[in-house]
């Protein structure tokens, strides 16, 4: 199950971490999580 604001971080095809964001709307959660993923 995928929820807004939850993103797995992968490197070389392996999961190495995750980002979980809460506290706003689902749209806000997803935007912040995607920004963090891009920085990774």
N, C-alpha and C. Protein backbone atom coordinates (compact mmCIF):
# COMPACT_ATOMS: atom_id res chain seq x y z
N UNK A 1 0.85 -1.19 0.00
CA UNK A 1 0.00 0.00 0.00
C UNK A 1 0.89 1.24 0.00
N UNK A 2 0.62 2.16 -0.87
CA UNK A 2 1.35 3.42 -0.94
C UNK A 2 0.46 4.54 -0.41
N UNK A 3 1.04 5.39 0.39
CA UNK A 3 0.30 6.54 0.91
C UNK A 3 1.01 7.81 0.51
N UNK A 4 0.28 8.91 0.42
CA UNK A 4 0.88 10.19 0.08
C UNK A 4 1.93 10.55 1.12
N UNK A 5 3.10 10.95 0.64
CA UNK A 5 4.17 11.36 1.55
C UNK A 5 5.10 10.25 1.95
N UNK A 6 4.90 9.05 1.42
CA UNK A 6 5.78 7.92 1.72
C UNK A 6 6.52 7.49 0.47
N UNK A 7 7.85 7.58 0.49
CA UNK A 7 8.66 7.24 -0.67
C UNK A 7 9.84 6.38 -0.23
N UNK A 8 10.07 5.29 -0.94
CA UNK A 8 11.26 4.48 -0.69
C UNK A 8 12.44 5.09 -1.43
N UNK A 9 13.60 5.07 -0.81
CA UNK A 9 14.82 5.54 -1.44
C UNK A 9 15.63 4.32 -1.87
N UNK A 10 16.01 4.28 -3.12
CA UNK A 10 16.77 3.15 -3.63
C UNK A 10 18.09 3.61 -4.23
N UNK A 11 19.06 2.71 -4.16
CA UNK A 11 20.35 2.95 -4.79
C UNK A 11 20.82 1.61 -5.35
N UNK A 12 21.18 1.61 -6.61
CA UNK A 12 21.62 0.39 -7.29
C UNK A 12 20.58 -0.73 -7.16
N UNK A 13 19.30 -0.34 -7.21
CA UNK A 13 18.22 -1.32 -7.17
C UNK A 13 17.88 -1.86 -5.79
N UNK A 14 18.50 -1.32 -4.73
CA UNK A 14 18.24 -1.80 -3.37
C UNK A 14 17.66 -0.67 -2.54
N UNK A 15 16.71 -1.01 -1.68
CA UNK A 15 16.12 -0.03 -0.78
C UNK A 15 17.15 0.31 0.30
N UNK A 16 17.46 1.61 0.41
CA UNK A 16 18.45 2.05 1.40
C UNK A 16 17.86 2.99 2.44
N UNK A 17 16.60 3.32 2.29
CA UNK A 17 15.94 4.21 3.23
C UNK A 17 14.55 4.58 2.76
N UNK A 18 13.96 5.51 3.47
CA UNK A 18 12.62 5.95 3.11
C UNK A 18 12.39 7.35 3.66
N UNK A 19 11.42 8.02 3.07
CA UNK A 19 10.99 9.33 3.55
C UNK A 19 9.51 9.22 3.89
N UNK A 20 9.15 9.71 5.06
CA UNK A 20 7.75 9.76 5.46
C UNK A 20 7.42 11.16 5.95
N UNK A 21 6.40 11.77 5.37
CA UNK A 21 6.04 13.14 5.71
C UNK A 21 4.58 13.18 6.15
N UNK A 22 4.31 13.94 7.21
CA UNK A 22 2.93 14.11 7.65
C UNK A 22 2.77 15.52 8.22
N UNK A 23 1.55 15.90 8.48
CA UNK A 23 1.29 17.17 9.12
C UNK A 23 0.53 18.17 8.26
N UNK A 24 0.34 17.86 7.00
CA UNK A 24 -0.41 18.75 6.11
C UNK A 24 -1.40 17.93 5.32
N UNK A 25 -1.71 18.41 4.12
CA UNK A 25 -2.60 17.66 3.24
C UNK A 25 -1.80 16.58 2.52
N UNK A 26 -2.47 15.62 1.93
CA UNK A 26 -1.80 14.57 1.16
C UNK A 26 -0.97 15.15 0.03
N UNK A 27 -1.49 16.18 -0.61
CA UNK A 27 -0.77 16.83 -1.71
C UNK A 27 0.53 17.46 -1.19
N UNK A 28 0.47 18.11 -0.03
CA UNK A 28 1.66 18.71 0.56
C UNK A 28 2.67 17.64 0.96
N UNK A 29 2.18 16.56 1.56
CA UNK A 29 3.06 15.45 1.97
C UNK A 29 3.86 14.96 0.78
N UNK A 30 3.16 14.70 -0.31
CA UNK A 30 3.79 14.13 -1.50
C UNK A 30 4.83 15.09 -2.09
N UNK A 31 4.49 16.38 -2.13
CA UNK A 31 5.42 17.36 -2.68
C UNK A 31 6.71 17.44 -1.88
N UNK A 32 6.59 17.43 -0.56
CA UNK A 32 7.77 17.50 0.31
C UNK A 32 8.59 16.21 0.19
N UNK A 33 7.93 15.07 0.17
CA UNK A 33 8.64 13.80 0.03
C UNK A 33 9.38 13.72 -1.31
N UNK A 34 8.76 14.19 -2.37
CA UNK A 34 9.40 14.17 -3.69
C UNK A 34 10.59 15.12 -3.73
N UNK A 35 10.51 16.24 -3.04
CA UNK A 35 11.66 17.16 -2.97
C UNK A 35 12.82 16.50 -2.25
N UNK A 36 12.53 15.79 -1.18
CA UNK A 36 13.57 15.07 -0.47
C UNK A 36 14.19 13.97 -1.31
N UNK A 37 13.35 13.26 -2.07
CA UNK A 37 13.84 12.22 -2.96
C UNK A 37 14.77 12.81 -4.03
N UNK A 38 14.40 13.95 -4.57
CA UNK A 38 15.22 14.60 -5.60
C UNK A 38 16.58 15.01 -5.02
N UNK A 39 16.60 15.45 -3.78
CA UNK A 39 17.86 15.84 -3.14
C UNK A 39 18.75 14.64 -2.87
N UNK A 40 18.12 13.50 -2.65
CA UNK A 40 18.87 12.26 -2.39
C UNK A 40 19.61 11.85 -3.62
